[in-house]
Amino acid sequence: MDGDVIEAIHTVIARLRPAEAAVATVVLRDPDSVVDTTVVELAERAGVSQASVVRFAKTLGYTGFPALRLQLAQELSRHAADLERSDIAEGRLNPSDSLADMVSKVAFHEARTIEQTARLLDLEALEQTAQRISAGARVVAFGVGASALAASDLAQKLQRIGLNCLTSPDIHMQLVHAALADEHTVVVAFSFSGGTRDVVHAVEVATRTGALTVAVTGDGESALAGACDLFLRTPARETTLRAAALASRMAQLAVVDFLFLRVGQLRFDNLDAALDATRDAVRPQHLPDGTQRSPR
């Protein structure tokens, strides 16, 4: 499995059985020590059986504990390099932080999230989605709250190059769009947790129409991922008062950019004409110095 062990544990820990959760807690408490730990030693520290340690590793998608331990060692090595570059540690936002400290923490974690998103992205799923969209499929984007911003960004980008993409912050309208989807429609659904009831419901409606459904979420075992045909992962951790908690939006927007630019590549012959036409349409709204004309 390619991925970040720590992020994967945070994603699944609430669903683990008690014995496996005990192993997860030990790993999260002191991941550095786990790199040099045997199955027997980790089982003793967690107060569980060796079989529970093996099941824990397999739950995360590894063939066994040695594979998990190797991946964890690689992850900790990357993390150490990150810390040396940034001197930011875990990115907790404190009242005593200077403005420069706060800006540095947010910038570091947002950049790190984009790097993680690119590294863990399922390129085959991204390619399938882009191929369908570039072939002229109608696109419908779902999302509520902050995820609605990513849905809106995707719609704006695709419309700019002449592709039909519908979105609305109103869940009733999202259900209307879902009900009117068909086998020629691609549905892209955004929910970082993957458990947003309104988004999952809209996807379920669209699935009955034969649409291709794509989940953009942080949890591959979530209700949203399970309801969709394809899964594009956004591996940012949501925690209170941490710079990293702001980064889930950046992960979603990165996926939008990856998807949009791949579609642009696939429609390269038509791209300039569409961009020129839309650029010419909005040019009169700008004053000679580059500022926008105020509406009367």
C-alpha atoms as a PDB file:
ATOM      1  CA  MET A   1       0.000   0.000   0.000  1.00  0.00           C
ATOM      2  CA  ASP A   2       1.260   3.484  -0.900  1.00  0.00           C
ATOM      3  CA  GLY A   3       0.220   6.049   1.633  1.00  0.00           C
ATOM      4  CA  ASP A   4       0.794   7.681   4.992  1.00  0.00           C
ATOM      5  CA  VAL A   5       0.379   5.323   7.936  1.00  0.00           C
ATOM      6  CA  ILE A   6      -0.450   8.065  10.449  1.00  0.00           C
ATOM      7  CA  GLU A   7      -3.094   9.631   8.207  1.00  0.00           C
ATOM      8  CA  ALA A   8      -4.605   6.197   7.517  1.00  0.00           C
ATOM      9  CA  ILE A   9      -4.835   5.407  11.236  1.00  0.00           C
ATOM     10  CA  HIS A  10      -6.553   8.706  11.997  1.00  0.00           C
ATOM     11  CA  THR A  11      -9.027   7.959   9.211  1.00  0.00           C
ATOM     12  CA  VAL A  12     -10.058   4.484  10.391  1.00  0.00           C
ATOM     13  CA  ILE A  13      -9.478   4.480  14.155  1.00  0.00           C
ATOM     14  CA  ALA A  14     -13.108   5.190  15.039  1.00  0.00           C
ATOM     15  CA  ARG A  15     -14.156   2.023  13.167  1.00  0.00           C
ATOM     16  CA  LEU A  16     -11.535  -0.346  14.566  1.00  0.00           C
ATOM     17  CA  ARG A  17     -12.341  -3.181  16.939  1.00  0.00           C
ATOM     18  CA  PRO A  18     -11.141  -2.575  20.522  1.00  0.00           C
ATOM     19  CA  ALA A  19      -7.978  -4.670  20.239  1.00  0.00           C
ATOM     20  CA  GLU A  20      -6.970  -3.069  16.948  1.00  0.00           C
ATOM     21  CA  ALA A  21      -7.778   0.377  18.348  1.00  0.00           C
ATOM     22  CA  ALA A  22      -5.418  -0.345  21.243  1.00  0.00           C
ATOM     23  CA  VAL A  23      -2.625  -1.055  18.730  1.00  0.00           C
ATOM     24  CA  ALA A  24      -3.501   2.135  16.835  1.00  0.00           C
ATOM     25  CA  THR A  25      -3.255   4.164  20.047  1.00  0.00           C
ATOM     26  CA  VAL A  26       0.232   2.828  20.771  1.00  0.00           C
ATOM     27  CA  VAL A  27       1.397   3.619  17.238  1.00  0.00           C
ATOM     28  CA  LEU A  28       0.003   7.146  17.342  1.00  0.00           C
ATOM     29  CA  ARG A  29       1.442   7.815  20.802  1.00  0.00           C
ATOM     30  CA  ASP A  30       5.029   6.977  19.799  1.00  0.00           C
ATOM     31  CA  PRO A  31       5.388   6.097  16.107  1.00  0.00           C
ATOM     32  CA  ASP A  32       9.193   6.404  16.166  1.00  0.00           C
ATOM     33  CA  SER A  33       9.547   3.546  18.623  1.00  0.00           C
ATOM     34  CA  VAL A  34       7.259   1.305  16.552  1.00  0.00           C
ATOM     35  CA  VAL A  35       9.754   1.316  13.677  1.00  0.00           C
ATOM     36  CA  ASP A  36      12.129  -0.826  15.801  1.00  0.00           C
ATOM     37  CA  THR A  37       9.394  -2.930  17.413  1.00  0.00           C
ATOM     38  CA  THR A  38       8.531  -6.574  16.669  1.00  0.00           C
ATOM     39  CA  VAL A  39       5.003  -7.940  16.483  1.00  0.00           C
ATOM     40  CA  VAL A  40       5.508  -9.574  19.899  1.00  0.00           C
ATOM     41  CA  GLU A  41       6.731  -6.353  21.522  1.00  0.00           C
ATOM     42  CA  LEU A  42       3.938  -4.218  20.014  1.00  0.00           C
ATOM     43  CA  ALA A  43       1.317  -6.734  21.124  1.00  0.00           C
ATOM     44  CA  GLU A  44       2.671  -6.616  24.685  1.00  0.00           C
ATOM     45  CA  ARG A  45       2.695  -2.796  24.726  1.00  0.00           C
ATOM     46  CA  ALA A  46      -0.887  -2.674  23.488  1.00  0.00           C
ATOM     47  CA  GLY A  47      -2.057  -5.490  25.770  1.00  0.00           C
ATOM     48  CA  VAL A  48      -3.435  -7.514  22.854  1.00  0.00           C
ATOM     49  CA  SER A  49      -2.604 -10.686  20.952  1.00  0.00           C
ATOM     50  CA  GLN A  50      -0.093 -10.867  18.111  1.00  0.00           C
ATOM     51  CA  ALA A  51      -2.976 -11.734  15.794  1.00  0.00           C
ATOM     52  CA  SER A  52      -4.575  -8.371  16.638  1.00  0.00           C
ATOM     53  CA  VAL A  53      -1.411  -6.562  15.529  1.00  0.00           C
ATOM     54  CA  VAL A  54      -1.464  -8.444  12.225  1.00  0.00           C
ATOM     55  CA  ARG A  55      -5.171  -7.712  11.728  1.00  0.00           C
ATOM     56  CA  PHE A  56      -4.510  -4.041  12.450  1.00  0.00           C
ATOM     57  CA  ALA A  57      -1.866  -3.911   9.709  1.00  0.00           C
ATOM     58  CA  LYS A  58      -4.133  -5.682   7.231  1.00  0.00           C
ATOM     59  CA  THR A  59      -7.025  -3.349   8.082  1.00  0.00           C
ATOM     60  CA  LEU A  60      -4.822  -0.471   6.916  1.00  0.00           C
ATOM     61  CA  GLY A  61      -4.181  -2.332   3.654  1.00  0.00           C
ATOM     62  CA  TYR A  62      -0.737  -3.815   4.340  1.00  0.00           C
ATOM     63  CA  THR A  63       0.260  -7.452   3.834  1.00  0.00           C
ATOM     64  CA  GLY A  64       1.452  -7.617   7.429  1.00  0.00           C
ATOM     65  CA  PHE A  65       3.190  -5.721  10.202  1.00  0.00           C
ATOM     66  CA  PRO A  66       6.656  -5.656   8.519  1.00  0.00           C
ATOM     67  CA  ALA A  67       5.175  -3.853   5.492  1.00  0.00           C
ATOM     68  CA  LEU A  68       3.432  -1.351   7.756  1.00  0.00           C
ATOM     69  CA  ARG A  69       6.621  -0.792   9.747  1.00  0.00           C
ATOM     70  CA  LEU A  70       8.635  -0.139   6.558  1.00  0.00           C
ATOM     71  CA  GLN A  71       6.074   2.374   5.305  1.00  0.00           C
ATOM     72  CA  LEU A  72       6.022   4.060   8.716  1.00  0.00           C
ATOM     73  CA  ALA A  73       9.821   4.397   8.694  1.00  0.00           C
ATOM     74  CA  GLN A  74       9.695   6.063   5.273  1.00  0.00           C
ATOM     75  CA  GLU A  75       6.932   8.385   6.417  1.00  0.00           C
ATOM     76  CA  LEU A  76       8.804   9.424   9.569  1.00  0.00           C
ATOM     77  CA  SER A  77      11.907  10.112   7.486  1.00  0.00           C
ATOM     78  CA  ARG A  78       9.909  12.439   5.236  1.00  0.00           C
ATOM     79  CA  HIS A  79       8.327  14.061   8.272  1.00  0.00           C
ATOM     80  CA  ALA A  80      11.734  14.708   9.848  1.00  0.00           C
ATOM     81  CA  ALA A  81      12.840  16.426   6.647  1.00  0.00           C
ATOM     82  CA  ASP A  82       9.661  18.495   6.689  1.00  0.00           C
ATOM     83  CA  LEU A  83      10.319  19.606  10.249  1.00  0.00           C
ATOM     84  CA  GLU A  84      13.914  20.496   9.470  1.00  0.00           C
ATOM     85  CA  ARG A  85      12.692  22.659   6.575  1.00  0.00           C
ATOM     86  CA  SER A  86       9.845  24.302   8.417  1.00  0.00           C
ATOM     87  CA  ASP A  87      10.601  24.247  12.170  1.00  0.00           C
ATOM     88  CA  ILE A  88       6.825  24.113  12.606  1.00  0.00           C
ATOM     89  CA  ALA A  89       6.279  20.746  14.349  1.00  0.00           C
ATOM     90  CA  GLU A  90       2.613  19.763  14.394  1.00  0.00           C
ATOM     91  CA  GLY A  91       1.264  23.152  13.408  1.00  0.00           C
ATOM     92  CA  ARG A  92      -0.883  23.832  16.455  1.00  0.00           C
ATOM     93  CA  LEU A  93      -2.122  27.424  16.425  1.00  0.00           C
ATOM     94  CA  ASN A  94      -1.477  29.169  19.750  1.00  0.00           C
ATOM     95  CA  PRO A  95      -2.604  32.582  21.066  1.00  0.00           C
ATOM     96  CA  SER A  96       1.061  33.430  21.594  1.00  0.00           C
ATOM     97  CA  ASP A  97       1.992  32.849  17.924  1.00  0.00           C
ATOM     98  CA  SER A  98       3.212  35.893  16.083  1.00  0.00           C
ATOM     99  CA  LEU A  99       1.529  36.770  12.808  1.00  0.00           C
ATOM    100  CA  ALA A 100       4.603  35.451  10.986  1.00  0.00           C
ATOM    101  CA  ASP A 101       4.386  32.152  12.926  1.00  0.00           C
ATOM    102  CA  MET A 102       0.721  31.725  12.044  1.00  0.00           C
ATOM    103  CA  VAL A 103       1.284  32.462   8.349  1.00  0.00           C
ATOM    104  CA  SER A 104       4.242  30.051   8.236  1.00  0.00           C
ATOM    105  CA  LYS A 105       2.276  27.237   9.873  1.00  0.00           C
ATOM    106  CA  VAL A 106      -0.692  27.593   7.551  1.00  0.00           C
ATOM    107  CA  ALA A 107       1.503  27.866   4.449  1.00  0.00           C
ATOM    108  CA  PHE A 108       3.559  24.815   5.411  1.00  0.00           C
ATOM    109  CA  HIS A 109       0.603  22.548   6.129  1.00  0.00           C
ATOM    110  CA  GLU A 110      -1.342  23.612   3.053  1.00  0.00           C
ATOM    111  CA  ALA A 111       1.706  22.953   0.859  1.00  0.00           C
ATOM    112  CA  ARG A 112       2.278  19.598   2.584  1.00  0.00           C
ATOM    113  CA  THR A 113      -1.355  18.636   2.028  1.00  0.00           C
ATOM    114  CA  ILE A 114      -1.109  19.343  -1.699  1.00  0.00           C
ATOM    115  CA  GLU A 115       2.041  17.199  -1.889  1.00  0.00           C
ATOM    116  CA  GLN A 116       0.288  14.348  -0.054  1.00  0.00           C
ATOM    117  CA  THR A 117      -2.758  14.636  -2.282  1.00  0.00           C
ATOM    118  CA  ALA A 118      -0.628  14.358  -5.419  1.00  0.00           C
ATOM    119  CA  ARG A 119       1.343  11.418  -4.009  1.00  0.00           C
ATOM    120  CA  LEU A 120      -1.699   9.395  -2.918  1.00  0.00           C
ATOM    121  CA  LEU A 121      -4.026  10.212  -5.803  1.00  0.00           C
ATOM    122  CA  ASP A 122      -5.451   7.297  -7.782  1.00  0.00           C
ATOM    123  CA  LEU A 123      -4.258   8.355 -11.245  1.00  0.00           C
ATOM    124  CA  GLU A 124      -6.323   5.680 -12.976  1.00  0.00           C
ATOM    125  CA  ALA A 125      -9.512   7.009 -11.372  1.00  0.00           C
ATOM    126  CA  LEU A 126      -8.506  10.566 -12.265  1.00  0.00           C
ATOM    127  CA  GLU A 127      -7.881   9.531 -15.877  1.00  0.00           C
ATOM    128  CA  GLN A 128     -11.235   7.744 -16.175  1.00  0.00           C
ATOM    129  CA  THR A 129     -13.019  10.816 -14.850  1.00  0.00           C
ATOM    130  CA  ALA A 130     -11.146  13.205 -17.138  1.00  0.00           C
ATOM    131  CA  GLN A 131     -11.716  11.024 -20.209  1.00  0.00           C
ATOM    132  CA  ARG A 132     -15.466  10.969 -19.652  1.00  0.00           C
ATOM    133  CA  ILE A 133     -15.638  14.731 -19.054  1.00  0.00           C
ATOM    134  CA  SER A 134     -13.439  15.596 -22.030  1.00  0.00           C
ATOM    135  CA  ALA A 135     -15.652  13.453 -24.265  1.00  0.00           C
ATOM    136  CA  GLY A 136     -18.483  15.891 -23.563  1.00  0.00           C
ATOM    137  CA  ALA A 137     -20.301  14.294 -20.652  1.00  0.00           C
ATOM    138  CA  ARG A 138     -22.437  16.653 -18.612  1.00  0.00           C
ATOM    139  CA  VAL A 139     -20.908  17.208 -15.184  1.00  0.00           C
ATOM    140  CA  VAL A 140     -22.769  17.705 -11.915  1.00  0.00           C
ATOM    141  CA  ALA A 141     -20.816  18.718  -8.795  1.00  0.00           C
ATOM    142  CA  PHE A 142     -22.184  18.130  -5.276  1.00  0.00           C
ATOM    143  CA  GLY A 143     -20.959  19.612  -1.996  1.00  0.00           C
ATOM    144  CA  VAL A 144     -22.278  21.447   1.046  1.00  0.00           C
ATOM    145  CA  GLY A 145     -20.581  23.868   3.410  1.00  0.00           C
ATOM    146  CA  ALA A 146     -16.885  24.313   2.647  1.00  0.00           C
ATOM    147  CA  SER A 147     -17.050  21.459   0.129  1.00  0.00           C
ATOM    148  CA  ALA A 148     -19.514  23.496  -1.914  1.00  0.00           C
ATOM    149  CA  LEU A 149     -16.632  25.887  -2.647  1.00  0.00           C
ATOM    150  CA  ALA A 150     -14.702  23.086  -4.352  1.00  0.00           C
ATOM    151  CA  ALA A 151     -17.796  22.062  -6.321  1.00  0.00           C
ATOM    152  CA  SER A 152     -18.261  25.668  -7.424  1.00  0.00           C
ATOM    153  CA  ASP A 153     -14.591  25.941  -8.423  1.00  0.00           C
ATOM    154  CA  LEU A 154     -14.872  22.840 -10.620  1.00  0.00           C
ATOM    155  CA  ALA A 155     -18.017  24.208 -12.283  1.00  0.00           C
ATOM    156  CA  GLN A 156     -16.421  27.583 -12.965  1.00  0.00           C
ATOM    157  CA  LYS A 157     -13.292  26.040 -14.485  1.00  0.00           C
ATOM    158  CA  LEU A 158     -15.148  23.621 -16.763  1.00  0.00           C
ATOM    159  CA  GLN A 159     -17.615  26.274 -17.904  1.00  0.00           C
ATOM    160  CA  ARG A 160     -14.663  28.498 -18.804  1.00  0.00           C
ATOM    161  CA  ILE A 161     -13.595  25.989 -21.467  1.00  0.00           C
ATOM    162  CA  GLY A 162     -17.096  25.398 -22.784  1.00  0.00           C
ATOM    163  CA  LEU A 163     -18.108  22.300 -20.821  1.00  0.00           C
ATOM    164  CA  ASN A 164     -21.461  21.906 -19.122  1.00  0.00           C
ATOM    165  CA  CYS A 165     -21.132  21.651 -15.332  1.00  0.00           C
ATOM    166  CA  LEU A 166     -24.008  22.219 -12.923  1.00  0.00           C
ATOM    167  CA  THR A 167     -23.710  22.915  -9.209  1.00  0.00           C
ATOM    168  CA  SER A 168     -25.744  24.602  -6.511  1.00  0.00           C
ATOM    169  CA  PRO A 169     -25.259  25.224  -2.774  1.00  0.00           C
ATOM    170  CA  ASP A 170     -28.959  24.383  -2.329  1.00  0.00           C
ATOM    171  CA  ILE A 171     -29.347  20.674  -1.516  1.00  0.00           C
ATOM    172  CA  HIS A 172     -32.802  20.602  -3.112  1.00  0.00           C
ATOM    173  CA  MET A 173     -31.299  21.775  -6.400  1.00  0.00           C
ATOM    174  CA  GLN A 174     -28.522  19.209  -6.041  1.00  0.00           C
ATOM    175  CA  LEU A 175     -31.207  16.539  -5.799  1.00  0.00           C
ATOM    176  CA  VAL A 176     -32.892  17.976  -8.905  1.00  0.00           C
ATOM    177  CA  HIS A 177     -29.574  17.776 -10.770  1.00  0.00           C
ATOM    178  CA  ALA A 178     -29.112  14.209  -9.507  1.00  0.00           C
ATOM    179  CA  ALA A 179     -32.585  13.131 -10.598  1.00  0.00           C
ATOM    180  CA  LEU A 180     -32.031  14.532 -14.110  1.00  0.00           C
ATOM    181  CA  ALA A 181     -28.638  12.863 -14.557  1.00  0.00           C
ATOM    182  CA  ASP A 182     -28.260   9.967 -16.980  1.00  0.00           C
ATOM    183  CA  GLU A 183     -25.623   7.577 -18.325  1.00  0.00           C
ATOM    184  CA  HIS A 184     -23.958  10.526 -20.071  1.00  0.00           C
ATOM    185  CA  THR A 185     -23.463  12.405 -16.784  1.00  0.00           C
ATOM    186  CA  VAL A 186     -20.413  12.499 -14.502  1.00  0.00           C
ATOM    187  CA  VAL A 187     -21.174  13.304 -10.870  1.00  0.00           C
ATOM    188  CA  VAL A 188     -18.283  14.647  -8.766  1.00  0.00           C
ATOM    189  CA  ALA A 189     -19.183  14.653  -5.061  1.00  0.00           C
ATOM    190  CA  PHE A 190     -17.090  16.530  -2.472  1.00  0.00           C
ATOM    191  CA  SER A 191     -17.143  15.702   1.253  1.00  0.00           C
ATOM    192  CA  PHE A 192     -13.960  15.577   3.278  1.00  0.00           C
ATOM    193  CA  SER A 193     -15.402  13.212   5.885  1.00  0.00           C
ATOM    194  CA  GLY A 194     -17.332  11.200   3.338  1.00  0.00           C
ATOM    195  CA  GLY A 195     -20.257  11.123   5.748  1.00  0.00           C
ATOM    196  CA  THR A 196     -22.219  14.212   4.722  1.00  0.00           C
ATOM    197  CA  ARG A 197     -25.764  12.858   4.525  1.00  0.00           C
ATOM    198  CA  ASP A 198     -27.008  15.327   1.884  1.00  0.00           C
ATOM    199  CA  VAL A 199     -24.133  14.599  -0.492  1.00  0.00           C
ATOM    200  CA  VAL A 200     -24.432  10.826  -0.063  1.00  0.00           C
ATOM    201  CA  HIS A 201     -28.176  11.029  -0.723  1.00  0.00           C
ATOM    202  CA  ALA A 202     -27.653  13.055  -3.907  1.00  0.00           C
ATOM    203  CA  VAL A 203     -25.116  10.493  -5.138  1.00  0.00           C
ATOM    204  CA  GLU A 204     -27.532   7.642  -4.429  1.00  0.00           C
ATOM    205  CA  VAL A 205     -30.183   9.384  -6.526  1.00  0.00           C
ATOM    206  CA  ALA A 206     -27.715   9.954  -9.377  1.00  0.00           C
ATOM    207  CA  THR A 207     -26.545   6.334  -9.230  1.00  0.00           C
ATOM    208  CA  ARG A 208     -30.056   5.145 -10.030  1.00  0.00           C
ATOM    209  CA  THR A 209     -29.957   7.159 -13.261  1.00  0.00           C
ATOM    210  CA  GLY A 210     -26.799   5.417 -14.485  1.00  0.00           C
ATOM    211  CA  ALA A 211     -24.411   8.356 -13.983  1.00  0.00           C
ATOM    212  CA  LEU A 212     -20.705   7.811 -13.340  1.00  0.00           C
ATOM    213  CA  THR A 213     -20.138   8.897  -9.728  1.00  0.00           C
ATOM    214  CA  VAL A 214     -16.818  10.110  -8.325  1.00  0.00           C
ATOM    215  CA  ALA A 215     -16.124  10.664  -4.610  1.00  0.00           C
ATOM    216  CA  VAL A 216     -13.594  13.312  -3.576  1.00  0.00           C
ATOM    217  CA  THR A 217     -13.125  12.486   0.110  1.00  0.00           C
ATOM    218  CA  GLY A 218     -10.544  11.690   2.754  1.00  0.00           C
ATOM    219  CA  ASP A 219     -11.933   8.295   3.748  1.00  0.00           C
ATOM    220  CA  GLY A 220     -11.988   5.412   1.298  1.00  0.00           C
ATOM    221  CA  GLU A 221     -14.212   3.405   3.662  1.00  0.00           C
ATOM    222  CA  SER A 222     -16.787   6.183   4.073  1.00  0.00           C
ATOM    223  CA  ALA A 223     -20.410   6.079   2.978  1.00  0.00           C
ATOM    224  CA  LEU A 224     -19.666   8.445   0.102  1.00  0.00           C
ATOM    225  CA  ALA A 225     -16.725   6.430  -1.238  1.00  0.00           C
ATOM    226  CA  GLY A 226     -18.793   3.263  -0.967  1.00  0.00           C
ATOM    227  CA  ALA A 227     -21.663   4.838  -2.903  1.00  0.00           C
ATOM    228  CA  CYS A 228     -19.469   6.042  -5.789  1.00  0.00           C
ATOM    229  CA  ASP A 229     -17.865   4.284  -8.744  1.00  0.00           C
ATOM    230  CA  LEU A 230     -14.509   6.069  -8.368  1.00  0.00           C
ATOM    231  CA  PHE A 231     -12.586   7.498  -5.409  1.00  0.00           C
ATOM    232  CA  LEU A 232     -10.160  10.457  -5.390  1.00  0.00           C
ATOM    233  CA  ARG A 233      -8.526  10.797  -1.978  1.00  0.00           C
ATOM    234  CA  THR A 234      -7.968  14.085  -0.132  1.00  0.00           C
ATOM    235  CA  PRO A 235      -5.621  13.141   2.743  1.00  0.00           C
ATOM    236  CA  ALA A 236      -5.715  16.157   5.058  1.00  0.00           C
ATOM    237  CA  ARG A 237      -6.336  15.798   8.798  1.00  0.00           C
ATOM    238  CA  GLU A 238      -9.185  17.821  10.331  1.00  0.00           C
ATOM    239  CA  THR A 239      -8.365  18.842  13.912  1.00  0.00           C
ATOM    240  CA  THR A 240      -9.379  21.872  15.916  1.00  0.00           C
ATOM    241  CA  LEU A 241      -7.029  24.869  16.064  1.00  0.00           C
ATOM    242  CA  ARG A 242      -4.344  23.362  13.880  1.00  0.00           C
ATOM    243  CA  ALA A 243      -3.034  24.725  10.617  1.00  0.00           C
ATOM    244  CA  ALA A 244      -3.572  21.258   9.172  1.00  0.00           C
ATOM    245  CA  ALA A 245      -7.305  21.549   9.855  1.00  0.00           C
ATOM    246  CA  LEU A 246      -7.531  24.274   7.226  1.00  0.00           C
ATOM    247  CA  ALA A 247      -5.815  22.170   4.604  1.00  0.00           C
ATOM    248  CA  SER A 248      -8.699  19.862   3.616  1.00  0.00           C
ATOM    249  CA  ARG A 249     -10.050  22.630   1.405  1.00  0.00           C
ATOM    250  CA  MET A 250      -6.664  22.865  -0.314  1.00  0.00           C
ATOM    251  CA  ALA A 251      -6.680  19.113  -0.955  1.00  0.00           C
ATOM    252  CA  GLN A 252     -10.095  19.363  -2.611  1.00  0.00           C
ATOM    253  CA  LEU A 253      -9.036  22.345  -4.720  1.00  0.00           C
ATOM    254  CA  ALA A 254      -5.860  20.507  -5.749  1.00  0.00           C
ATOM    255  CA  VAL A 255      -7.956  17.589  -7.020  1.00  0.00           C
ATOM    256  CA  VAL A 256     -10.116  20.079  -8.945  1.00  0.00           C
ATOM    257  CA  ASP A 257      -6.991  21.552 -10.538  1.00  0.00           C
ATOM    258  CA  PHE A 258      -5.558  18.129 -11.435  1.00  0.00           C
ATOM    259  CA  LEU A 259      -8.847  17.103 -13.015  1.00  0.00           C
ATOM    260  CA  PHE A 260      -9.386  20.377 -14.874  1.00  0.00           C
ATOM    261  CA  LEU A 261      -5.884  20.480 -16.329  1.00  0.00           C
ATOM    262  CA  ARG A 262      -6.099  16.852 -17.486  1.00  0.00           C
ATOM    263  CA  VAL A 263      -9.404  17.637 -19.200  1.00  0.00           C
ATOM    264  CA  GLY A 264      -7.719  20.670 -20.755  1.00  0.00           C
ATOM    265  CA  GLN A 265      -4.928  18.446 -22.076  1.00  0.00           C
ATOM    266  CA  LEU A 266      -7.424  16.058 -23.610  1.00  0.00           C
ATOM    267  CA  ARG A 267      -9.300  18.925 -25.271  1.00  0.00           C
ATOM    268  CA  PHE A 268      -6.163  20.840 -26.214  1.00  0.00           C
ATOM    269  CA  ASP A 269      -7.224  21.511 -29.818  1.00  0.00           C
ATOM    270  CA  ASN A 270     -10.370  23.323 -28.633  1.00  0.00           C
ATOM    271  CA  LEU A 271      -8.849  24.963 -25.588  1.00  0.00           C
ATOM    272  CA  ASP A 272      -7.535  28.230 -27.046  1.00  0.00           C
ATOM    273  CA  ALA A 273     -10.798  29.061 -28.810  1.00  0.00           C
ATOM    274  CA  ALA A 274     -12.836  28.578 -25.635  1.00  0.00           C
ATOM    275  CA  LEU A 275     -10.431  30.573 -23.465  1.00  0.00           C
ATOM    276  CA  ASP A 276     -10.222  33.390 -26.033  1.00  0.00           C
ATOM    277  CA  ALA A 277     -14.000  33.591 -26.311  1.00  0.00           C
ATOM    278  CA  THR A 278     -14.543  33.778 -22.550  1.00  0.00           C
ATOM    279  CA  ARG A 279     -11.668  36.212 -22.114  1.00  0.00           C
ATOM    280  CA  ASP A 280     -13.115  38.511 -24.779  1.00  0.00           C
ATOM    281  CA  ALA A 281     -16.548  38.332 -23.135  1.00  0.00           C
ATOM    282  CA  VAL A 282     -15.313  39.631 -19.772  1.00  0.00           C
ATOM    283  CA  ARG A 283     -12.744  42.114 -21.083  1.00  0.00           C
ATOM    284  CA  PRO A 284     -15.267  45.011 -21.268  1.00  0.00           C
ATOM    285  CA  GLN A 285     -15.864  44.595 -17.517  1.00  0.00           C
ATOM    286  CA  HIS A 286     -12.299  45.701 -16.779  1.00  0.00           C
ATOM    287  CA  LEU A 287     -11.106  49.300 -16.745  1.00  0.00           C
ATOM    288  CA  PRO A 288      -7.878  50.207 -18.594  1.00  0.00           C
ATOM    289  CA  ASP A 289      -5.818  50.015 -15.375  1.00  0.00           C
ATOM    290  CA  GLY A 290      -6.993  46.441 -14.771  1.00  0.00           C
ATOM    291  CA  THR A 291      -9.609  47.160 -12.083  1.00  0.00           C
ATOM    292  CA  GLN A 292     -13.141  45.904 -12.589  1.00  0.00           C
ATOM    293  CA  ARG A 293     -15.917  48.219 -13.673  1.00  0.00           C
ATOM    294  CA  SER A 294     -18.389  48.921 -10.836  1.00  0.00           C
ATOM    295  CA  PRO A 295     -21.996  47.958 -11.635  1.00  0.00           C
ATOM    296  CA  ARG A 296     -24.437  50.868 -11.906  1.00  0.00           C
END
